[in-house]
Amino acid sequence: MSNADTATINLADFLRAQRRERYPIAVVHGLPFAGKSIFARQLAQRNSFGYLDVLTEVSNRPELIDTIDRFDVAALRSLILSYATAAGTDVLLIDELDFLVPVWAGDLVSFQEMVRRLRHPEKQITFGFFLQTRPSLEQWRLMNAAHVSCVLPFESIRSL
């Protein structure tokens, strides 16, 4: 194993381990066009994880498209939980939600709080979020029981 391998995180293993944590989440952030969405889709496919493309889901549902300019954190939470129930997997990757940040006036505090409190009411599911890097994400301290950050720079993720 090379030094590069030891410095990176196997995200599939990390997500599975997070199911037992108080915060069963991971937030992966990186620069625009860094390949986060391609990686998330491939990770979901290779590991039988659920994958939610929020922009596509909102765009394809008439009852949601009419609210796109006021789609708040509570609506996102509801969408995620209903999708998680339908997907029936232990890990759900949530992607393509950066379009919502301007709707929230760039304020990620309520989003961060929703992520921190997110739990499925009926089963243990890990939620993995993929977002563009922002200062509030880089500074966010959200740790698991082993004192490992649940907020991960995309560069720290081992390639598939």
C-alpha atoms as a PDB file:
ATOM      1  CA  MET A   1       0.000   0.000   0.000  1.00  0.00           C
ATOM      2  CA  SER A   2       1.434   3.387  -0.982  1.00  0.00           C
ATOM      3  CA  ASN A   3       1.513   6.505   1.160  1.00  0.00           C
ATOM      4  CA  ALA A   4      -1.218   7.944  -1.071  1.00  0.00           C
ATOM      5  CA  ASP A   5      -3.487   5.009  -0.214  1.00  0.00           C
ATOM      6  CA  THR A   6      -2.952   5.391   3.531  1.00  0.00           C
ATOM      7  CA  ALA A   7      -3.786   9.111   3.355  1.00  0.00           C
ATOM      8  CA  THR A   8      -7.120   8.567   1.629  1.00  0.00           C
ATOM      9  CA  ILE A   9     -10.484   7.347   2.859  1.00  0.00           C
ATOM     10  CA  ASN A  10     -12.370   4.392   1.454  1.00  0.00           C
ATOM     11  CA  LEU A  11     -15.721   6.163   1.356  1.00  0.00           C
ATOM     12  CA  ALA A  12     -17.838   3.012   0.963  1.00  0.00           C
ATOM     13  CA  ASP A  13     -16.354   1.555   4.166  1.00  0.00           C
ATOM     14  CA  PHE A  14     -16.647   4.893   5.963  1.00  0.00           C
ATOM     15  CA  LEU A  15     -20.324   5.207   5.023  1.00  0.00           C
ATOM     16  CA  ARG A  16     -21.108   1.671   6.178  1.00  0.00           C
ATOM     17  CA  ALA A  17     -19.374   2.301   9.513  1.00  0.00           C
ATOM     18  CA  GLN A  18     -21.307   5.550   9.988  1.00  0.00           C
ATOM     19  CA  ARG A  19     -24.574   3.597  10.307  1.00  0.00           C
ATOM     20  CA  ARG A  20     -23.666   2.892  13.938  1.00  0.00           C
ATOM     21  CA  GLU A  21     -22.824   6.503  14.720  1.00  0.00           C
ATOM     22  CA  ARG A  22     -24.794   9.192  16.480  1.00  0.00           C
ATOM     23  CA  TYR A  23     -24.526  11.201  13.260  1.00  0.00           C
ATOM     24  CA  PRO A  24     -25.045   8.633  10.472  1.00  0.00           C
ATOM     25  CA  ILE A  25     -23.887  11.081   7.833  1.00  0.00           C
ATOM     26  CA  ALA A  26     -20.933  12.131   5.744  1.00  0.00           C
ATOM     27  CA  VAL A  27     -20.511  15.343   3.820  1.00  0.00           C
ATOM     28  CA  VAL A  28     -18.086  15.254   0.906  1.00  0.00           C
ATOM     29  CA  HIS A  29     -17.173  18.629  -0.536  1.00  0.00           C
ATOM     30  CA  GLY A  30     -14.922  19.670  -3.373  1.00  0.00           C
ATOM     31  CA  LEU A  31     -14.355  22.176  -6.120  1.00  0.00           C
ATOM     32  CA  PRO A  32     -16.858  22.521  -8.961  1.00  0.00           C
ATOM     33  CA  PHE A  33     -16.234  20.064 -11.806  1.00  0.00           C
ATOM     34  CA  ALA A  34     -13.914  17.932  -9.643  1.00  0.00           C
ATOM     35  CA  GLY A  35     -15.882  14.762 -10.463  1.00  0.00           C
ATOM     36  CA  LYS A  36     -17.961  14.471  -7.291  1.00  0.00           C
ATOM     37  CA  SER A  37     -21.187  13.557  -9.101  1.00  0.00           C
ATOM     38  CA  ILE A  38     -19.541  10.976 -11.336  1.00  0.00           C
ATOM     39  CA  PHE A  39     -17.842   9.501  -8.289  1.00  0.00           C
ATOM     40  CA  ALA A  40     -21.111   9.447  -6.286  1.00  0.00           C
ATOM     41  CA  ARG A  41     -23.033   7.696  -9.070  1.00  0.00           C
ATOM     42  CA  GLN A  42     -20.274   5.091  -9.540  1.00  0.00           C
ATOM     43  CA  LEU A  43     -19.979   4.560  -5.785  1.00  0.00           C
ATOM     44  CA  ALA A  44     -23.730   4.008  -5.528  1.00  0.00           C
ATOM     45  CA  GLN A  45     -23.772   1.589  -8.453  1.00  0.00           C
ATOM     46  CA  ARG A  46     -20.779  -0.467  -7.284  1.00  0.00           C
ATOM     47  CA  ASN A  47     -22.022  -0.791  -3.708  1.00  0.00           C
ATOM     48  CA  SER A  48     -25.802  -1.009  -4.198  1.00  0.00           C
ATOM     49  CA  PHE A  49     -26.246   2.316  -2.418  1.00  0.00           C
ATOM     50  CA  GLY A  50     -29.196   4.562  -3.143  1.00  0.00           C
ATOM     51  CA  TYR A  51     -28.501   7.711  -5.163  1.00  0.00           C
ATOM     52  CA  LEU A  52     -30.643  10.834  -5.079  1.00  0.00           C
ATOM     53  CA  ASP A  53     -30.012  13.563  -7.663  1.00  0.00           C
ATOM     54  CA  VAL A  54     -31.959  16.357  -5.963  1.00  0.00           C
ATOM     55  CA  LEU A  55     -32.068  18.671  -8.989  1.00  0.00           C
ATOM     56  CA  THR A  56     -33.427  15.934 -11.264  1.00  0.00           C
ATOM     57  CA  GLU A  57     -35.919  14.744  -8.648  1.00  0.00           C
ATOM     58  CA  VAL A  58     -37.273  18.236  -8.032  1.00  0.00           C
ATOM     59  CA  SER A  59     -37.367  18.962 -11.788  1.00  0.00           C
ATOM     60  CA  ASN A  60     -39.291  15.769 -12.552  1.00  0.00           C
ATOM     61  CA  ARG A  61     -41.981  16.201  -9.904  1.00  0.00           C
ATOM     62  CA  PRO A  62     -44.622  18.804 -10.809  1.00  0.00           C
ATOM     63  CA  GLU A  63     -45.571  19.352  -7.174  1.00  0.00           C
ATOM     64  CA  LEU A  64     -41.942  20.281  -6.404  1.00  0.00           C
ATOM     65  CA  ILE A  65     -40.916  22.206  -9.517  1.00  0.00           C
ATOM     66  CA  ASP A  66     -43.422  24.935  -8.655  1.00  0.00           C
ATOM     67  CA  THR A  67     -41.646  25.452  -5.310  1.00  0.00           C
ATOM     68  CA  ILE A  68     -38.062  25.381  -6.601  1.00  0.00           C
ATOM     69  CA  ASP A  69     -37.433  29.045  -5.817  1.00  0.00           C
ATOM     70  CA  ARG A  70     -38.517  28.559  -2.196  1.00  0.00           C
ATOM     71  CA  PHE A  71     -37.467  24.952  -1.588  1.00  0.00           C
ATOM     72  CA  ASP A  72     -36.356  25.147   2.025  1.00  0.00           C
ATOM     73  CA  VAL A  73     -34.353  22.818   4.253  1.00  0.00           C
ATOM     74  CA  ALA A  74     -37.501  21.200   5.664  1.00  0.00           C
ATOM     75  CA  ALA A  75     -38.663  20.329   2.133  1.00  0.00           C
ATOM     76  CA  LEU A  76     -35.225  18.869   1.371  1.00  0.00           C
ATOM     77  CA  ARG A  77     -35.353  16.769   4.549  1.00  0.00           C
ATOM     78  CA  SER A  78     -38.785  15.461   3.614  1.00  0.00           C
ATOM     79  CA  LEU A  79     -37.614  14.607   0.086  1.00  0.00           C
ATOM     80  CA  ILE A  80     -34.537  12.785   1.405  1.00  0.00           C
ATOM     81  CA  LEU A  81     -36.486  10.712   3.931  1.00  0.00           C
ATOM     82  CA  SER A  82     -39.196   9.728   1.453  1.00  0.00           C
ATOM     83  CA  TYR A  83     -36.567   8.788  -1.120  1.00  0.00           C
ATOM     84  CA  ALA A  84     -34.621   6.790   1.494  1.00  0.00           C
ATOM     85  CA  THR A  85     -37.749   4.813   2.346  1.00  0.00           C
ATOM     86  CA  ALA A  86     -38.440   4.069  -1.323  1.00  0.00           C
ATOM     87  CA  ALA A  87     -34.802   3.198  -2.106  1.00  0.00           C
ATOM     88  CA  GLY A  88     -34.653   0.560   0.623  1.00  0.00           C
ATOM     89  CA  THR A  89     -30.866   0.748   0.993  1.00  0.00           C
ATOM     90  CA  ASP A  90     -28.647   1.217   4.028  1.00  0.00           C
ATOM     91  CA  VAL A  91     -26.739   4.107   2.433  1.00  0.00           C
ATOM     92  CA  LEU A  92     -28.224   6.981   0.457  1.00  0.00           C
ATOM     93  CA  LEU A  93     -25.981   9.350  -1.467  1.00  0.00           C
ATOM     94  CA  ILE A  94     -27.475  12.812  -1.976  1.00  0.00           C
ATOM     95  CA  ASP A  95     -26.080  14.854  -4.844  1.00  0.00           C
ATOM     96  CA  GLU A  96     -26.845  17.835  -7.086  1.00  0.00           C
ATOM     97  CA  LEU A  97     -28.240  20.061  -4.363  1.00  0.00           C
ATOM     98  CA  ASP A  98     -25.948  23.064  -4.802  1.00  0.00           C
ATOM     99  CA  PHE A  99     -28.703  24.817  -6.764  1.00  0.00           C
ATOM    100  CA  LEU A 100     -30.495  25.259  -3.429  1.00  0.00           C
ATOM    101  CA  VAL A 101     -27.762  27.317  -1.757  1.00  0.00           C
ATOM    102  CA  PRO A 102     -28.772  30.562  -3.548  1.00  0.00           C
ATOM    103  CA  VAL A 103     -32.406  29.845  -2.617  1.00  0.00           C
ATOM    104  CA  TRP A 104     -31.226  29.757   1.003  1.00  0.00           C
ATOM    105  CA  ALA A 105     -29.387  33.079   0.442  1.00  0.00           C
ATOM    106  CA  GLY A 106     -26.069  31.253   0.847  1.00  0.00           C
ATOM    107  CA  ASP A 107     -26.841  30.482   4.491  1.00  0.00           C
ATOM    108  CA  LEU A 108     -25.964  26.868   5.237  1.00  0.00           C
ATOM    109  CA  VAL A 109     -26.571  26.988   9.002  1.00  0.00           C
ATOM    110  CA  SER A 110     -30.072  25.481   8.829  1.00  0.00           C
ATOM    111  CA  PHE A 111     -28.856  22.931   6.266  1.00  0.00           C
ATOM    112  CA  GLN A 112     -25.971  21.933   8.538  1.00  0.00           C
ATOM    113  CA  GLU A 113     -28.335  21.552  11.475  1.00  0.00           C
ATOM    114  CA  MET A 114     -30.717  19.423   9.376  1.00  0.00           C
ATOM    115  CA  VAL A 115     -27.826  17.205   8.286  1.00  0.00           C
ATOM    116  CA  ARG A 116     -26.599  16.847  11.856  1.00  0.00           C
ATOM    117  CA  ARG A 117     -30.056  15.751  13.063  1.00  0.00           C
ATOM    118  CA  LEU A 118     -31.009  13.644  10.037  1.00  0.00           C
ATOM    119  CA  ARG A 119     -32.155  10.153  10.973  1.00  0.00           C
ATOM    120  CA  HIS A 120     -34.519   7.778   9.257  1.00  0.00           C
ATOM    121  CA  PRO A 121     -37.418   7.107  11.636  1.00  0.00           C
ATOM    122  CA  GLU A 122     -37.601   3.358  10.935  1.00  0.00           C
ATOM    123  CA  LYS A 123     -34.138   2.036  10.067  1.00  0.00           C
ATOM    124  CA  GLN A 124     -30.450   2.796  10.254  1.00  0.00           C
ATOM    125  CA  ILE A 125     -29.369   4.580   7.097  1.00  0.00           C
ATOM    126  CA  THR A 126     -26.239   6.569   6.420  1.00  0.00           C
ATOM    127  CA  PHE A 127     -26.751   9.722   4.402  1.00  0.00           C
ATOM    128  CA  GLY A 128     -23.842  10.898   2.242  1.00  0.00           C
ATOM    129  CA  PHE A 129     -24.017  14.437   0.881  1.00  0.00           C
ATOM    130  CA  PHE A 130     -21.943  15.702  -2.049  1.00  0.00           C
ATOM    131  CA  LEU A 131     -21.537  19.488  -2.263  1.00  0.00           C
ATOM    132  CA  GLN A 132     -19.299  22.174  -3.660  1.00  0.00           C
ATOM    133  CA  THR A 133     -16.699  23.488  -1.224  1.00  0.00           C
ATOM    134  CA  ARG A 134     -17.691  26.533   0.773  1.00  0.00           C
ATOM    135  CA  PRO A 135     -15.958  28.160   3.767  1.00  0.00           C
ATOM    136  CA  SER A 136     -18.751  27.064   6.111  1.00  0.00           C
ATOM    137  CA  LEU A 137     -18.190  23.436   5.083  1.00  0.00           C
ATOM    138  CA  GLU A 138     -14.417  23.662   5.412  1.00  0.00           C
ATOM    139  CA  GLN A 139     -14.818  25.020   8.954  1.00  0.00           C
ATOM    140  CA  TRP A 140     -17.618  22.663  10.040  1.00  0.00           C
ATOM    141  CA  ARG A 141     -16.591  20.425  12.925  1.00  0.00           C
ATOM    142  CA  LEU A 142     -18.807  17.357  12.939  1.00  0.00           C
ATOM    143  CA  MET A 143     -17.068  14.343  14.413  1.00  0.00           C
ATOM    144  CA  ASN A 144     -17.994  10.706  14.884  1.00  0.00           C
ATOM    145  CA  ALA A 145     -17.312   8.714  18.063  1.00  0.00           C
ATOM    146  CA  ALA A 146     -13.744   7.987  16.948  1.00  0.00           C
ATOM    147  CA  HIS A 147     -13.159  11.755  16.591  1.00  0.00           C
ATOM    148  CA  VAL A 148     -12.937  11.475  12.828  1.00  0.00           C
ATOM    149  CA  SER A 149     -14.519  14.284  10.878  1.00  0.00           C
ATOM    150  CA  CYS A 150     -17.697  13.441   8.988  1.00  0.00           C
ATOM    151  CA  VAL A 151     -17.009  16.420   6.702  1.00  0.00           C
ATOM    152  CA  LEU A 152     -14.562  15.185   4.104  1.00  0.00           C
ATOM    153  CA  PRO A 153     -12.704  17.046   1.375  1.00  0.00           C
ATOM    154  CA  PHE A 154     -13.199  15.256  -1.944  1.00  0.00           C
ATOM    155  CA  GLU A 155      -9.411  15.137  -2.368  1.00  0.00           C
ATOM    156  CA  SER A 156      -9.197  12.886   0.709  1.00  0.00           C
ATOM    157  CA  ILE A 157     -11.423  10.197  -0.857  1.00  0.00           C
ATOM    158  CA  ARG A 158      -9.757   7.160  -2.405  1.00  0.00           C
ATOM    159  CA  SER A 159     -10.657   6.771  -6.070  1.00  0.00           C
ATOM    160  CA  LEU A 160     -12.806   3.828  -7.130  1.00  0.00           C
END
